[in-house]
Amino acid sequence: MAKTVRTDRVNATRELILVTAERMFAERGIHEVSNRQISEAAGQGNNTAVGYHFGTKADLIRAILRRHSGAVEERRQELVAALPPDADLRAWVEVLVRPTTDYLATLGVPSWMARFTAQLATDPALRDVMFEEMLGSPTMLRVIDALSESMGAQPPAVRMERGAMARILIVQMNADFERALAENQLTARSTWHDMATGLIDGIVAIWSAPFTTP
């Protein structure tokens, strides 16, 4: 019984630290927040609590990402399973975008996941952690391969360039929409579902546009 109580207490502390770290990273930036500040904001008397429970900052980042990735991956698998055999480019872009936006819609307002991801994506020291976690999903790799096939005869350099454009667009649009909801600002579309529809339109347009060979 005592062991169970202690385990529950440890799990609750870890969850509190993860929620606090995600919020602080989203609001201030990854390198503007120290482990000590996170421990203090989470109400931990021990200022080394973050290191004790998670280790390095990279380990903490991975734990935050994994706190969300299971639900996103489950939704991605559902969408892939529902695709017809002749799924086109737009159908695969839907599978790229909607797992995250559908999940973000479940988090309520305010949430910090999208803004945290945006901060992480621009951090040269830690963004590879995010890419490693994303590419660890077999379903995501399948989506990426299918998107590449759906783009037709575009040269590899063009595919790479437009993939980077799409990635930046997804990360920043999600973060901007999350921030707007949190601050009760006017948005072009009122729900995560509708915002995702506009985002999908834009990405399909980018990947379908005429190109100049590099």
C-alpha atoms as a PDB file:
ATOM      1  CA  MET A   1       0.000   0.000   0.000  1.00  0.00           C
ATOM      2  CA  ALA A   2       2.765   2.439   0.944  1.00  0.00           C
ATOM      3  CA  LYS A   3       4.605   1.591  -2.287  1.00  0.00           C
ATOM      4  CA  THR A   4       1.462   2.310  -4.321  1.00  0.00           C
ATOM      5  CA  VAL A   5       0.971   5.660  -2.608  1.00  0.00           C
ATOM      6  CA  ARG A   6       4.594   6.602  -3.269  1.00  0.00           C
ATOM      7  CA  THR A   7       4.309   5.567  -6.936  1.00  0.00           C
ATOM      8  CA  ASP A   8       1.158   7.657  -7.337  1.00  0.00           C
ATOM      9  CA  ARG A   9       2.896  10.623  -5.731  1.00  0.00           C
ATOM     10  CA  VAL A  10       5.906  10.287  -8.031  1.00  0.00           C
ATOM     11  CA  ASN A  11       3.678  10.027 -11.098  1.00  0.00           C
ATOM     12  CA  ALA A  12       1.701  13.097 -10.037  1.00  0.00           C
ATOM     13  CA  THR A  13       4.923  15.051  -9.530  1.00  0.00           C
ATOM     14  CA  ARG A  14       6.237  14.027 -12.945  1.00  0.00           C
ATOM     15  CA  GLU A  15       2.975  15.047 -14.608  1.00  0.00           C
ATOM     16  CA  LEU A  16       2.990  18.418 -12.839  1.00  0.00           C
ATOM     17  CA  ILE A  17       6.565  19.058 -13.951  1.00  0.00           C
ATOM     18  CA  LEU A  18       5.743  18.125 -17.556  1.00  0.00           C
ATOM     19  CA  VAL A  19       2.697  20.411 -17.683  1.00  0.00           C
ATOM     20  CA  THR A  20       4.628  23.273 -16.100  1.00  0.00           C
ATOM     21  CA  ALA A  21       7.659  22.845 -18.363  1.00  0.00           C
ATOM     22  CA  GLU A  22       5.520  22.713 -21.501  1.00  0.00           C
ATOM     23  CA  ARG A  23       3.738  25.925 -20.570  1.00  0.00           C
ATOM     24  CA  MET A  24       6.914  27.777 -19.627  1.00  0.00           C
ATOM     25  CA  PHE A  25       8.774  26.640 -22.745  1.00  0.00           C
ATOM     26  CA  ALA A  26       5.797  27.683 -24.900  1.00  0.00           C
ATOM     27  CA  GLU A  27       5.551  31.120 -23.339  1.00  0.00           C
ATOM     28  CA  ARG A  28       9.238  32.003 -22.931  1.00  0.00           C
ATOM     29  CA  GLY A  29      11.330  29.779 -25.189  1.00  0.00           C
ATOM     30  CA  ILE A  30      13.334  26.641 -24.517  1.00  0.00           C
ATOM     31  CA  HIS A  31      16.613  28.245 -23.487  1.00  0.00           C
ATOM     32  CA  GLU A  32      14.992  31.054 -21.515  1.00  0.00           C
ATOM     33  CA  VAL A  33      13.745  28.577 -18.897  1.00  0.00           C
ATOM     34  CA  SER A  34      16.011  26.653 -16.542  1.00  0.00           C
ATOM     35  CA  ASN A  35      15.282  23.376 -14.777  1.00  0.00           C
ATOM     36  CA  ARG A  36      15.446  25.290 -11.498  1.00  0.00           C
ATOM     37  CA  GLN A  37      12.732  27.706 -12.649  1.00  0.00           C
ATOM     38  CA  ILE A  38      10.517  24.814 -13.720  1.00  0.00           C
ATOM     39  CA  SER A  39      10.963  23.109 -10.349  1.00  0.00           C
ATOM     40  CA  GLU A  40      10.049  26.306  -8.520  1.00  0.00           C
ATOM     41  CA  ALA A  41       7.012  26.998 -10.728  1.00  0.00           C
ATOM     42  CA  ALA A  42       5.830  23.419 -10.187  1.00  0.00           C
ATOM     43  CA  GLY A  43       5.954  23.979  -6.429  1.00  0.00           C
ATOM     44  CA  GLN A  44       8.786  21.551  -5.804  1.00  0.00           C
ATOM     45  CA  GLY A  45      10.807  22.253  -2.672  1.00  0.00           C
ATOM     46  CA  ASN A  46      13.792  20.534  -4.249  1.00  0.00           C
ATOM     47  CA  ASN A  47      15.159  22.775  -7.007  1.00  0.00           C
ATOM     48  CA  THR A  48      16.765  19.763  -8.669  1.00  0.00           C
ATOM     49  CA  ALA A  49      13.430  17.961  -9.073  1.00  0.00           C
ATOM     50  CA  VAL A  50      13.459  18.221 -12.881  1.00  0.00           C
ATOM     51  CA  GLY A  51      16.888  16.620 -13.126  1.00  0.00           C
ATOM     52  CA  TYR A  52      15.953  13.967 -10.595  1.00  0.00           C
ATOM     53  CA  HIS A  53      12.815  12.911 -12.464  1.00  0.00           C
ATOM     54  CA  PHE A  54      13.904  13.441 -16.088  1.00  0.00           C
ATOM     55  CA  GLY A  55      17.666  13.911 -16.367  1.00  0.00           C
ATOM     56  CA  THR A  56      18.842  16.357 -19.047  1.00  0.00           C
ATOM     57  CA  LYS A  57      16.796  19.039 -20.780  1.00  0.00           C
ATOM     58  CA  ALA A  58      16.725  16.855 -23.900  1.00  0.00           C
ATOM     59  CA  ASP A  59      15.240  14.038 -21.802  1.00  0.00           C
ATOM     60  CA  LEU A  60      12.608  16.435 -20.478  1.00  0.00           C
ATOM     61  CA  ILE A  61      11.781  17.547 -24.033  1.00  0.00           C
ATOM     62  CA  ARG A  62      11.335  13.930 -25.103  1.00  0.00           C
ATOM     63  CA  ALA A  63       9.032  13.273 -22.158  1.00  0.00           C
ATOM     64  CA  ILE A  64       6.857  16.263 -23.077  1.00  0.00           C
ATOM     65  CA  LEU A  65       6.639  15.124 -26.693  1.00  0.00           C
ATOM     66  CA  ARG A  66       5.769  11.564 -25.674  1.00  0.00           C
ATOM     67  CA  ARG A  67       3.071  12.838 -23.331  1.00  0.00           C
ATOM     68  CA  HIS A  68       1.131  13.783 -26.473  1.00  0.00           C
ATOM     69  CA  SER A  69       2.496  11.555 -29.227  1.00  0.00           C
ATOM     70  CA  GLY A  70       0.545   8.422 -28.346  1.00  0.00           C
ATOM     71  CA  ALA A  71      -2.848  10.037 -28.901  1.00  0.00           C
ATOM     72  CA  VAL A  72      -1.665  11.743 -32.099  1.00  0.00           C
ATOM     73  CA  GLU A  73      -0.274   8.483 -33.448  1.00  0.00           C
ATOM     74  CA  GLU A  74      -3.502   6.645 -32.646  1.00  0.00           C
ATOM     75  CA  ARG A  75      -5.481   9.232 -34.614  1.00  0.00           C
ATOM     76  CA  ARG A  76      -3.012   9.018 -37.511  1.00  0.00           C
ATOM     77  CA  GLN A  77      -3.410   5.244 -37.656  1.00  0.00           C
ATOM     78  CA  GLU A  78      -7.207   5.640 -37.756  1.00  0.00           C
ATOM     79  CA  LEU A  79      -7.023   8.074 -40.656  1.00  0.00           C
ATOM     80  CA  VAL A  80      -4.571   5.926 -42.618  1.00  0.00           C
ATOM     81  CA  ALA A  81      -6.762   2.847 -42.122  1.00  0.00           C
ATOM     82  CA  ALA A  82      -9.769   4.752 -43.490  1.00  0.00           C
ATOM     83  CA  LEU A  83      -8.030   5.832 -46.715  1.00  0.00           C
ATOM     84  CA  PRO A  84      -9.169   4.294 -50.014  1.00  0.00           C
ATOM     85  CA  PRO A  85      -6.583   2.449 -52.141  1.00  0.00           C
ATOM     86  CA  ASP A  86      -6.508   5.334 -54.635  1.00  0.00           C
ATOM     87  CA  ALA A  87      -5.970   8.087 -52.051  1.00  0.00           C
ATOM     88  CA  ASP A  88      -4.699  11.260 -53.707  1.00  0.00           C
ATOM     89  CA  LEU A  89      -2.361  14.030 -52.541  1.00  0.00           C
ATOM     90  CA  ARG A  90      -5.062  15.875 -50.616  1.00  0.00           C
ATOM     91  CA  ALA A  91      -6.103  12.730 -48.771  1.00  0.00           C
ATOM     92  CA  TRP A  92      -2.525  12.156 -47.612  1.00  0.00           C
ATOM     93  CA  VAL A  93      -2.103  15.798 -46.595  1.00  0.00           C
ATOM     94  CA  GLU A  94      -5.229  15.364 -44.464  1.00  0.00           C
ATOM     95  CA  VAL A  95      -3.505  12.459 -42.714  1.00  0.00           C
ATOM     96  CA  LEU A  96      -0.434  14.624 -42.220  1.00  0.00           C
ATOM     97  CA  VAL A  97      -2.308  17.559 -40.666  1.00  0.00           C
ATOM     98  CA  ARG A  98      -5.427  16.347 -38.896  1.00  0.00           C
ATOM     99  CA  PRO A  99      -4.006  13.951 -36.293  1.00  0.00           C
ATOM    100  CA  THR A 100      -2.352  16.881 -34.525  1.00  0.00           C
ATOM    101  CA  THR A 101      -5.162  19.405 -34.977  1.00  0.00           C
ATOM    102  CA  ASP A 102      -7.782  16.861 -33.904  1.00  0.00           C
ATOM    103  CA  TYR A 103      -5.751  16.194 -30.770  1.00  0.00           C
ATOM    104  CA  LEU A 104      -5.190  19.896 -30.079  1.00  0.00           C
ATOM    105  CA  ALA A 105      -8.964  20.356 -30.203  1.00  0.00           C
ATOM    106  CA  THR A 106      -9.309  17.961 -27.255  1.00  0.00           C
ATOM    107  CA  LEU A 107      -6.931  19.923 -25.018  1.00  0.00           C
ATOM    108  CA  GLY A 108      -9.246  22.858 -24.385  1.00  0.00           C
ATOM    109  CA  VAL A 109      -8.261  26.505 -24.036  1.00  0.00           C
ATOM    110  CA  PRO A 110      -5.618  27.438 -23.156  1.00  0.00           C
ATOM    111  CA  SER A 111      -3.250  24.762 -24.372  1.00  0.00           C
ATOM    112  CA  TRP A 112       0.484  25.015 -24.988  1.00  0.00           C
ATOM    113  CA  MET A 113       1.467  22.016 -27.097  1.00  0.00           C
ATOM    114  CA  ALA A 114       1.509  23.822 -30.460  1.00  0.00           C
ATOM    115  CA  ARG A 115       3.446  26.814 -29.125  1.00  0.00           C
ATOM    116  CA  PHE A 116       5.909  24.507 -27.378  1.00  0.00           C
ATOM    117  CA  THR A 117       6.435  22.662 -30.664  1.00  0.00           C
ATOM    118  CA  ALA A 118       7.037  25.953 -32.481  1.00  0.00           C
ATOM    119  CA  GLN A 119       9.664  26.971 -29.932  1.00  0.00           C
ATOM    120  CA  LEU A 120      11.322  23.584 -30.254  1.00  0.00           C
ATOM    121  CA  ALA A 121      11.288  23.650 -34.061  1.00  0.00           C
ATOM    122  CA  THR A 122      13.390  26.827 -34.111  1.00  0.00           C
ATOM    123  CA  ASP A 123      15.901  25.662 -31.506  1.00  0.00           C
ATOM    124  CA  PRO A 124      19.068  24.526 -33.300  1.00  0.00           C
ATOM    125  CA  ALA A 125      20.286  22.488 -30.341  1.00  0.00           C
ATOM    126  CA  LEU A 126      17.097  20.545 -29.627  1.00  0.00           C
ATOM    127  CA  ARG A 127      14.925  20.452 -32.744  1.00  0.00           C
ATOM    128  CA  ASP A 128      16.540  17.177 -33.846  1.00  0.00           C
ATOM    129  CA  VAL A 129      14.936  15.619 -30.771  1.00  0.00           C
ATOM    130  CA  MET A 130      11.534  16.522 -32.202  1.00  0.00           C
ATOM    131  CA  PHE A 131      12.371  15.106 -35.635  1.00  0.00           C
ATOM    132  CA  GLU A 132      13.703  11.888 -34.108  1.00  0.00           C
ATOM    133  CA  GLU A 133      10.480  11.428 -32.149  1.00  0.00           C
ATOM    134  CA  MET A 134       8.321  12.134 -35.215  1.00  0.00           C
ATOM    135  CA  LEU A 135      10.273   9.809 -37.492  1.00  0.00           C
ATOM    136  CA  GLY A 136      10.121   7.067 -34.884  1.00  0.00           C
ATOM    137  CA  SER A 137       6.518   6.495 -35.956  1.00  0.00           C
ATOM    138  CA  PRO A 138       6.132   3.849 -38.719  1.00  0.00           C
ATOM    139  CA  THR A 139       2.800   5.419 -39.667  1.00  0.00           C
ATOM    140  CA  MET A 140       4.391   8.848 -40.142  1.00  0.00           C
ATOM    141  CA  LEU A 141       7.082   7.309 -42.354  1.00  0.00           C
ATOM    142  CA  ARG A 142       4.344   5.703 -44.435  1.00  0.00           C
ATOM    143  CA  VAL A 143       2.590   9.064 -44.772  1.00  0.00           C
ATOM    144  CA  ILE A 144       5.824  10.759 -45.859  1.00  0.00           C
ATOM    145  CA  ASP A 145       6.485   8.072 -48.484  1.00  0.00           C
ATOM    146  CA  ALA A 146       2.914   8.319 -49.795  1.00  0.00           C
ATOM    147  CA  LEU A 147       3.131  12.105 -50.021  1.00  0.00           C
ATOM    148  CA  SER A 148       6.347  11.841 -51.979  1.00  0.00           C
ATOM    149  CA  GLU A 149       4.719   9.432 -54.431  1.00  0.00           C
ATOM    150  CA  SER A 150       1.640  11.646 -54.723  1.00  0.00           C
ATOM    151  CA  MET A 151       3.715  14.660 -55.780  1.00  0.00           C
ATOM    152  CA  GLY A 152       4.499  13.076 -59.139  1.00  0.00           C
ATOM    153  CA  ALA A 153       7.537  14.006 -61.193  1.00  0.00           C
ATOM    154  CA  GLN A 154       8.903  16.814 -59.043  1.00  0.00           C
ATOM    155  CA  PRO A 155      12.716  16.734 -58.692  1.00  0.00           C
ATOM    156  CA  PRO A 156      14.025  15.620 -55.271  1.00  0.00           C
ATOM    157  CA  ALA A 157      15.257  19.152 -54.496  1.00  0.00           C
ATOM    158  CA  VAL A 158      11.778  20.577 -55.111  1.00  0.00           C
ATOM    159  CA  ARG A 159      10.181  17.914 -52.930  1.00  0.00           C
ATOM    160  CA  MET A 160      12.658  18.676 -50.162  1.00  0.00           C
ATOM    161  CA  GLU A 161      12.066  22.412 -50.471  1.00  0.00           C
ATOM    162  CA  ARG A 162       8.300  22.111 -50.400  1.00  0.00           C
ATOM    163  CA  GLY A 163       8.432  19.600 -47.567  1.00  0.00           C
ATOM    164  CA  ALA A 164      10.283  22.203 -45.504  1.00  0.00           C
ATOM    165  CA  MET A 165       7.674  24.829 -46.442  1.00  0.00           C
ATOM    166  CA  ALA A 166       4.858  22.523 -45.390  1.00  0.00           C
ATOM    167  CA  ARG A 167       6.548  21.655 -42.099  1.00  0.00           C
ATOM    168  CA  ILE A 168       7.045  25.316 -41.191  1.00  0.00           C
ATOM    169  CA  LEU A 169       3.485  26.142 -42.217  1.00  0.00           C
ATOM    170  CA  ILE A 170       2.004  23.369 -40.064  1.00  0.00           C
ATOM    171  CA  VAL A 171       4.062  24.233 -36.986  1.00  0.00           C
ATOM    172  CA  GLN A 172       3.531  27.995 -37.160  1.00  0.00           C
ATOM    173  CA  MET A 173      -0.145  27.925 -38.134  1.00  0.00           C
ATOM    174  CA  ASN A 174      -0.940  25.564 -35.273  1.00  0.00           C
ATOM    175  CA  ALA A 175       1.000  27.741 -32.836  1.00  0.00           C
ATOM    176  CA  ASP A 176      -0.623  30.966 -34.059  1.00  0.00           C
ATOM    177  CA  PHE A 177      -4.107  29.484 -33.834  1.00  0.00           C
ATOM    178  CA  GLU A 178      -3.466  28.106 -30.353  1.00  0.00           C
ATOM    179  CA  ARG A 179      -2.177  31.506 -29.224  1.00  0.00           C
ATOM    180  CA  ALA A 180      -5.158  33.312 -30.750  1.00  0.00           C
ATOM    181  CA  LEU A 181      -7.600  31.030 -28.951  1.00  0.00           C
ATOM    182  CA  ALA A 182      -5.762  31.491 -25.650  1.00  0.00           C
ATOM    183  CA  GLU A 183      -5.811  35.269 -26.025  1.00  0.00           C
ATOM    184  CA  ASN A 184      -9.397  35.377 -27.333  1.00  0.00           C
ATOM    185  CA  GLN A 185      -8.295  36.993 -30.590  1.00  0.00           C
ATOM    186  CA  LEU A 186     -10.222  37.033 -33.848  1.00  0.00           C
ATOM    187  CA  THR A 187      -9.330  34.127 -36.151  1.00  0.00           C
ATOM    188  CA  ALA A 188     -10.117  33.489 -39.804  1.00  0.00           C
ATOM    189  CA  ARG A 189     -11.700  30.158 -38.850  1.00  0.00           C
ATOM    190  CA  SER A 190     -13.271  29.426 -35.508  1.00  0.00           C
ATOM    191  CA  THR A 191     -12.462  25.760 -34.841  1.00  0.00           C
ATOM    192  CA  TRP A 192      -9.419  23.510 -35.060  1.00  0.00           C
ATOM    193  CA  HIS A 193     -11.221  21.423 -37.692  1.00  0.00           C
ATOM    194  CA  ASP A 194     -11.908  24.419 -39.904  1.00  0.00           C
ATOM    195  CA  MET A 195      -8.430  25.841 -39.391  1.00  0.00           C
ATOM    196  CA  ALA A 196      -6.982  22.490 -40.457  1.00  0.00           C
ATOM    197  CA  THR A 197      -9.093  22.574 -43.619  1.00  0.00           C
ATOM    198  CA  GLY A 198      -7.585  25.914 -44.618  1.00  0.00           C
ATOM    199  CA  LEU A 199      -4.113  24.672 -43.743  1.00  0.00           C
ATOM    200  CA  ILE A 200      -4.620  21.561 -45.874  1.00  0.00           C
ATOM    201  CA  ASP A 201      -5.776  23.765 -48.782  1.00  0.00           C
ATOM    202  CA  GLY A 202      -2.575  25.785 -48.526  1.00  0.00           C
ATOM    203  CA  ILE A 203      -0.243  22.790 -48.332  1.00  0.00           C
ATOM    204  CA  VAL A 204      -1.914  21.074 -51.291  1.00  0.00           C
ATOM    205  CA  ALA A 205      -1.510  24.295 -53.257  1.00  0.00           C
ATOM    206  CA  ILE A 206       2.200  24.484 -52.398  1.00  0.00           C
ATOM    207  CA  TRP A 207       2.868  20.881 -53.386  1.00  0.00           C
ATOM    208  CA  SER A 208       0.773  21.121 -56.574  1.00  0.00           C
ATOM    209  CA  ALA A 209       2.141  24.452 -57.831  1.00  0.00           C
ATOM    210  CA  PRO A 210       4.342  24.750 -60.927  1.00  0.00           C
ATOM    211  CA  PHE A 211       8.028  24.715 -60.122  1.00  0.00           C
ATOM    212  CA  THR A 212      11.299  26.003 -61.453  1.00  0.00           C
ATOM    213  CA  THR A 213      13.966  23.324 -61.560  1.00  0.00           C
ATOM    214  CA  PRO A 214      16.891  24.250 -59.264  1.00  0.00           C
END
